[in-house]
Protein backbone atom coordinates (compact mmCIF):
# COMPACT_ATOMS: atom_id res chain seq x y z
CA MET A 1 8.11 22.95 26.37
CA THR A 2 6.23 24.39 23.39
CA LEU A 3 4.38 22.16 20.93
CA THR A 4 7.04 22.81 18.30
CA GLU A 5 9.73 21.75 20.74
CA GLN A 6 7.72 18.63 21.61
CA VAL A 7 7.36 17.72 17.94
CA ASN A 8 11.07 18.25 17.30
CA ALA A 9 11.93 16.15 20.33
CA VAL A 10 9.65 13.34 19.13
CA ILE A 11 11.16 13.45 15.63
CA ALA A 12 14.68 13.29 17.08
CA GLU A 13 13.79 10.38 19.36
CA LEU A 14 12.03 8.35 16.68
CA SER A 15 14.74 9.11 14.13
CA ASP A 16 17.29 7.73 16.57
CA ASP A 17 15.17 4.63 17.17
CA ILE A 18 14.88 4.00 13.43
CA LYS A 19 18.58 4.61 12.85
CA ASN A 20 19.50 2.17 15.61
CA SER A 21 16.77 -0.36 14.77
CA LYS A 22 15.06 0.18 18.12
CA LEU A 23 11.60 1.04 16.81
CA ASP A 24 9.02 -1.47 18.05
CA LEU A 25 7.64 -3.28 15.02
CA PRO A 26 4.44 -5.34 15.04
CA SER A 27 5.01 -9.05 14.55
CA PRO A 28 3.83 -10.52 11.25
CA PRO A 29 0.34 -12.01 11.68
CA ASP A 30 0.16 -15.80 11.81
CA ILE A 31 -1.81 -16.10 8.56
CA LEU A 32 0.77 -14.01 6.73
CA ILE A 33 3.54 -16.35 7.90
CA LYS A 34 1.53 -19.36 6.71
CA VAL A 35 0.72 -17.77 3.36
CA ARG A 36 4.37 -16.95 2.77
CA ALA A 37 5.33 -20.51 3.66
CA LEU A 38 2.87 -21.78 1.05
CA SER A 39 4.11 -19.36 -1.60
CA ASN A 40 7.68 -20.56 -1.01
CA ASN A 41 6.72 -24.23 -1.13
CA ASP A 42 6.97 -25.66 -4.63
CA ASN A 43 4.75 -28.57 -3.60
CA SER A 44 1.82 -26.41 -2.44
CA ASN A 45 -1.20 -25.82 -4.64
CA ALA A 46 -4.45 -23.83 -4.85
CA THR A 47 -6.22 -26.33 -2.59
CA ASP A 48 -3.67 -25.76 0.17
CA LEU A 49 -4.21 -22.02 -0.14
CA ALA A 50 -7.99 -22.38 -0.11
CA ASN A 51 -7.83 -24.58 2.99
CA LEU A 52 -5.81 -21.89 4.75
CA VAL A 53 -8.08 -19.02 3.70
CA LYS A 54 -11.36 -20.67 4.69
CA PHE A 55 -10.39 -20.58 8.38
CA ASP A 56 -10.44 -16.76 8.31
CA PRO A 57 -14.07 -15.70 7.60
CA ASN A 58 -13.21 -12.08 6.84
CA ILE A 59 -10.55 -12.90 4.27
CA ALA A 60 -12.60 -15.77 2.83
CA SER A 61 -15.63 -13.56 2.20
CA ARG A 62 -13.40 -10.87 0.68
CA ILE A 63 -11.76 -13.33 -1.72
CA ILE A 64 -15.16 -14.69 -2.82
CA LYS A 65 -16.54 -11.17 -3.31
CA ILE A 66 -13.60 -10.14 -5.47
CA ALA A 67 -13.79 -13.36 -7.49
CA ASN A 68 -17.44 -12.56 -8.27
CA SER A 69 -16.77 -8.98 -9.34
CA SER A 70 -17.13 -7.93 -12.96
CA LEU A 71 -13.49 -6.89 -12.84
CA PHE A 72 -12.47 -10.47 -13.51
CA GLY A 73 -15.07 -11.17 -16.15
CA SER A 74 -17.12 -13.33 -13.83
CA ARG A 75 -19.87 -15.11 -15.76
CA PHE A 76 -20.74 -17.61 -13.06
CA HIS A 77 -21.17 -16.91 -9.35
CA VAL A 78 -18.83 -18.80 -7.04
CA ASN A 79 -19.75 -19.64 -3.45
CA SER A 80 -16.68 -21.45 -2.18
CA VAL A 81 -13.18 -20.33 -1.33
CA GLN A 82 -11.78 -23.13 -3.49
CA SER A 83 -13.64 -21.86 -6.57
CA ALA A 84 -12.64 -18.29 -5.82
CA VAL A 85 -8.95 -19.20 -5.53
CA THR A 86 -9.15 -21.20 -8.76
CA ARG A 87 -10.72 -18.25 -10.58
CA LEU A 88 -8.35 -15.59 -9.27
CA GLY A 89 -5.18 -17.65 -9.22
CA SER A 90 -2.88 -18.27 -6.26
CA SER A 91 -0.65 -15.26 -6.95
CA LYS A 92 -3.49 -12.75 -6.81
CA VAL A 93 -5.04 -14.41 -3.75
CA ILE A 94 -1.73 -14.33 -1.87
CA ASN A 95 -1.38 -10.62 -2.60
CA LEU A 96 -4.99 -9.95 -1.59
CA ILE A 97 -4.49 -11.85 1.66
CA THR A 98 -1.35 -9.84 2.37
CA GLY A 99 -3.20 -6.59 1.74
CA SER A 100 -6.14 -7.68 3.89
CA VAL A 101 -3.84 -8.68 6.73
CA ILE A 102 -2.12 -5.30 6.64
CA ALA A 103 -5.48 -3.54 6.57
CA GLN A 104 -6.55 -5.58 9.58
CA ASN A 105 -3.42 -4.45 11.42
CA PHE A 106 -4.47 -0.85 10.92
CA ILE A 107 -8.06 -1.59 11.92
CA ASN A 108 -6.97 -3.51 15.02
CA ALA A 109 -4.76 -0.67 16.21
CA GLN A 110 -7.70 0.38 18.41
CA ILE A 111 -6.45 3.90 19.04
CA LYS A 112 -9.41 5.94 20.20
CA GLY A 113 -10.09 8.96 18.04
CA LEU A 114 -7.81 7.82 15.21
CA GLU A 115 -10.20 5.54 13.37
CA SER A 116 -10.65 8.02 10.51
CA TYR A 117 -6.89 8.60 10.35
CA PHE A 118 -6.16 4.91 9.85
CA ASN A 119 -9.01 4.61 7.36
CA LYS A 120 -7.51 7.39 5.23
CA VAL A 121 -4.13 5.64 5.32
CA TRP A 122 -5.70 2.38 4.11
CA GLN A 123 -7.76 4.10 1.42
CA LYS A 124 -4.58 5.82 0.23
CA SER A 125 -2.79 2.51 -0.16
CA ASN A 126 -5.76 1.12 -2.11
CA LYS A 127 -5.78 4.08 -4.49
CA VAL A 128 -2.05 3.82 -5.11
CA SER A 129 -2.26 0.05 -5.65
CA ALA A 130 -5.16 0.41 -8.12
CA ILE A 131 -3.27 2.97 -10.23
CA CYS A 132 -0.10 0.90 -10.01
CA TYR A 133 -1.89 -2.29 -11.08
CA VAL A 134 -3.31 -0.66 -14.21
CA LEU A 135 -0.09 1.15 -15.14
CA ALA A 136 1.84 -2.09 -14.72
CA GLN A 137 -0.46 -3.68 -17.28
CA GLN A 138 -0.44 -0.76 -19.68
CA LYS A 139 3.05 0.72 -19.44
CA SER A 140 5.48 -1.92 -18.22
CA THR A 141 6.54 -5.55 -18.27
CA ILE A 142 6.23 -5.79 -14.47
CA ASP A 143 3.86 -8.37 -13.00
CA PRO A 144 0.65 -6.45 -12.11
CA GLU A 145 0.26 -8.67 -9.04
CA GLN A 146 3.62 -7.51 -7.72
CA ALA A 147 2.66 -3.90 -8.49
CA LEU A 148 -0.62 -4.34 -6.63
CA LEU A 149 1.14 -5.68 -3.56
CA ALA A 150 3.75 -2.90 -3.62
CA GLY A 151 1.00 -0.31 -3.70
CA MET A 152 -0.78 -1.93 -0.78
CA VAL A 153 2.28 -1.84 1.47
CA HIS A 154 4.04 1.36 0.37
CA ASN A 155 2.85 3.33 3.44
CA ILE A 156 2.84 0.59 6.07
CA GLY A 157 5.53 2.47 8.04
CA ILE A 158 2.80 4.76 9.36
CA LEU A 159 1.49 2.00 11.65
CA PRO A 160 4.45 1.52 14.03
CA LEU A 161 4.97 5.29 14.25
CA ILE A 162 1.38 5.99 15.30
CA LEU A 163 1.49 3.13 17.79
CA ARG A 164 4.66 4.61 19.24
CA LEU A 165 3.26 8.15 19.37
CA ASN A 166 0.20 6.85 21.19
CA LYS A 167 2.46 5.57 23.98
CA ILE A 168 3.58 9.12 24.77
CA SER A 169 1.51 10.13 27.77
CA ALA A 170 1.04 13.73 26.60
CA PHE A 171 -0.73 12.53 23.43
CA ARG A 172 -2.47 9.33 24.55
CA ASP A 173 -5.70 10.93 25.75
CA GLU A 174 -5.63 13.82 23.28
CA PRO A 175 -6.58 12.43 19.84
CA LYS A 176 -6.65 15.87 18.17
CA LEU A 177 -3.21 16.69 19.51
CA LEU A 178 -1.95 13.25 18.50
CA ILE A 179 -3.21 13.73 14.93
CA HIS A 180 -1.61 17.18 14.81
CA VAL A 181 1.73 15.79 15.95
CA ALA A 182 1.37 12.77 13.66
CA ASN A 183 0.85 15.09 10.68
CA GLN A 184 4.16 16.75 11.52
CA VAL A 185 6.14 13.65 12.41
CA VAL A 186 4.87 10.77 10.27
CA PRO A 187 5.59 12.18 6.77
CA LYS A 188 9.23 12.64 7.71
CA LEU A 189 9.78 9.16 9.12
CA TYR A 190 7.29 6.63 7.75
CA PRO A 191 9.30 5.62 4.64
CA LYS A 192 12.26 4.36 6.67
CA ALA A 193 9.93 2.76 9.20
CA GLY A 194 8.10 1.05 6.34
CA ASN A 195 11.33 -0.34 4.94
CA MET A 196 12.16 -1.70 8.40
CA ILE A 197 8.84 -3.47 8.83
CA LEU A 198 8.77 -4.93 5.31
CA THR A 199 12.32 -6.21 5.72
CA ASN A 200 11.42 -7.58 9.15
CA TRP A 201 8.42 -9.36 7.65
CA ASN A 202 10.64 -10.92 4.97
CA PHE A 203 9.18 -9.15 1.96
CA SER A 204 11.37 -9.19 -1.13
CA PRO A 205 14.00 -6.43 -1.36
CA SER A 206 12.18 -4.92 -4.37
CA ILE A 207 8.92 -4.59 -2.38
CA ALA A 208 10.69 -3.28 0.74
CA ALA A 209 12.50 -0.70 -1.37
CA VAL A 210 9.29 1.05 -2.49
CA ALA A 211 8.68 2.13 1.09
CA VAL A 212 11.60 4.56 0.81
CA SER A 213 11.50 5.35 -2.91
CA HIS A 214 7.81 6.11 -3.53
CA ASN A 215 8.02 9.80 -2.56
CA LYS A 216 11.46 10.57 -4.00
CA LEU A 217 10.24 12.68 -6.89
CA ASN A 218 13.72 13.94 -7.74
CA ARG A 219 15.32 10.50 -7.84
CA GLU A 220 17.44 9.54 -10.81
CA SER A 221 15.71 7.04 -13.01
CA THR A 222 17.17 5.39 -16.10
CA GLY A 223 16.42 2.25 -18.06
CA PRO A 224 13.02 0.56 -18.45
CA ILE A 225 10.12 1.28 -16.09
CA ASP A 226 10.73 -0.54 -12.81
CA LEU A 227 8.66 -1.12 -9.69
CA ASP A 228 9.99 2.01 -7.99
CA ASP A 229 8.91 4.06 -11.00
CA LEU A 230 5.42 2.57 -10.96
CA ILE A 231 4.89 3.27 -7.28
CA LEU A 232 6.30 6.80 -7.44
CA VAL A 233 4.08 7.85 -10.36
CA SER A 234 1.05 6.14 -8.81
CA PHE A 235 1.71 7.82 -5.46
CA GLU A 236 1.98 11.26 -7.08
CA LEU A 237 -1.13 10.71 -9.20
CA SER A 238 -3.09 9.58 -6.15
CA ARG A 239 -2.42 12.97 -4.55
CA LEU A 240 -4.20 14.85 -7.33
CA ALA A 241 -7.88 15.70 -7.05
CA ASP A 242 -8.27 14.72 -10.71
CA PHE A 243 -5.32 13.17 -12.50
CA THR A 244 -7.17 13.40 -15.84
CA ASP A 245 -7.28 17.21 -15.74
CA SER A 246 -5.25 18.48 -18.70
CA ASP A 247 -5.42 22.11 -17.54
CA ASN A 248 -3.86 21.87 -14.09
CA ILE A 249 -0.38 20.57 -14.74
CA PRO A 250 1.57 19.04 -11.82
CA GLU A 251 4.83 20.52 -13.04
CA LYS A 252 7.15 18.87 -10.51
CA LEU A 253 5.81 15.47 -11.48
CA VAL A 254 5.91 16.13 -15.23
CA ASP A 255 9.48 17.42 -15.04
CA SER A 256 10.71 14.30 -13.19
CA ALA A 257 12.83 11.68 -14.93
CA THR A 258 10.42 8.98 -13.80
CA PHE A 259 7.35 10.62 -15.35
CA GLN A 260 9.15 10.98 -18.66
CA LYS A 261 9.41 7.21 -18.86
CA PHE A 262 5.61 7.01 -19.00
CA TRP A 263 4.53 10.07 -21.00
CA SER A 264 6.24 12.95 -22.77
CA ASN A 265 3.89 15.64 -21.44
CA TRP A 266 0.86 16.14 -19.20
CA THR A 267 -1.64 16.37 -22.06
CA GLU A 268 -0.59 12.92 -23.22
CA ALA A 269 -0.77 11.61 -19.66
CA ALA A 270 -4.19 13.15 -18.95
CA THR A 271 -5.60 11.67 -22.16
CA ALA A 272 -4.23 8.21 -21.38
CA LEU A 273 -5.39 8.33 -17.76
CA SER A 274 -8.87 9.44 -18.85
CA GLU A 275 -9.12 6.22 -20.83
CA LEU A 276 -7.92 4.21 -17.83
CA LYS A 277 -9.89 6.07 -15.15
CA GLU A 278 -12.88 3.73 -15.10
CA GLN A 279 -10.68 0.66 -14.77
CA ILE A 280 -8.65 2.27 -11.96
CA GLU A 281 -11.80 3.27 -10.09
CA GLN A 282 -13.26 -0.21 -10.50
CA ILE A 283 -10.16 -1.89 -9.12
CA ASN A 284 -10.01 0.60 -6.26
CA SER A 285 -13.65 -0.05 -5.43
CA VAL A 286 -13.26 -3.83 -5.48
CA PHE A 287 -10.09 -3.96 -3.40
CA LYS A 288 -11.10 -1.41 -0.74
CA SER A 289 -14.45 -3.01 0.05
């Protein structure tokens, strides 16, 4: 069987698994279940959240570091999780925990030779979430915290697909071949896989939906800017080497109905994004560290 035939066979098999809900999905991490329980409990408070976070050293140190960043106008250094949660607010902390947990799932995949692959996936989600966070503030009435979370999880469907591909004996001990096959297979299937895992992990329908809508550049889009619009534009902008370049026009993006909700032309967009570039880069830097 040629490599092309192998790839086509893998796509057919995984497509069938997704269609019939047979794709193995990772279980939601314990801390994510507990965080969601707190967020759904009207009687919980910031202290409950801080008490949960402090038992995970990695997440605790990340929350404290972000709370002390200049991004949040930090005038006084905080040393405790409780103070960090108070400064950031429970909503932001819950989203940051969720993002950190998902990142840890990628890191813990432990697939030899694919460390850089998973790192690129995580960095991509950070870049999209940073753009989405800023655009939510500047161009919509959508909660920036929800936009941030949506950006963090938009490409999570890559994880179960890579884990599944790694179980195929022909690829398991051939990282270069696995990456080659992944580059052919994953882009076609990860949106549906992402929707499956987000639904399985009990994310809201609006968050789960971005997994399948974020790369639909030709989708119809009417009414006010919604979460799908934010993620789609952020995803497309994240693919550009420089989204403030007014000379190299991404025509397919500019011609889309979604883009037209944000800006009337690329010159207007490039000017606006130039003004927001520093803020986007700062958020990206803080959240990816």
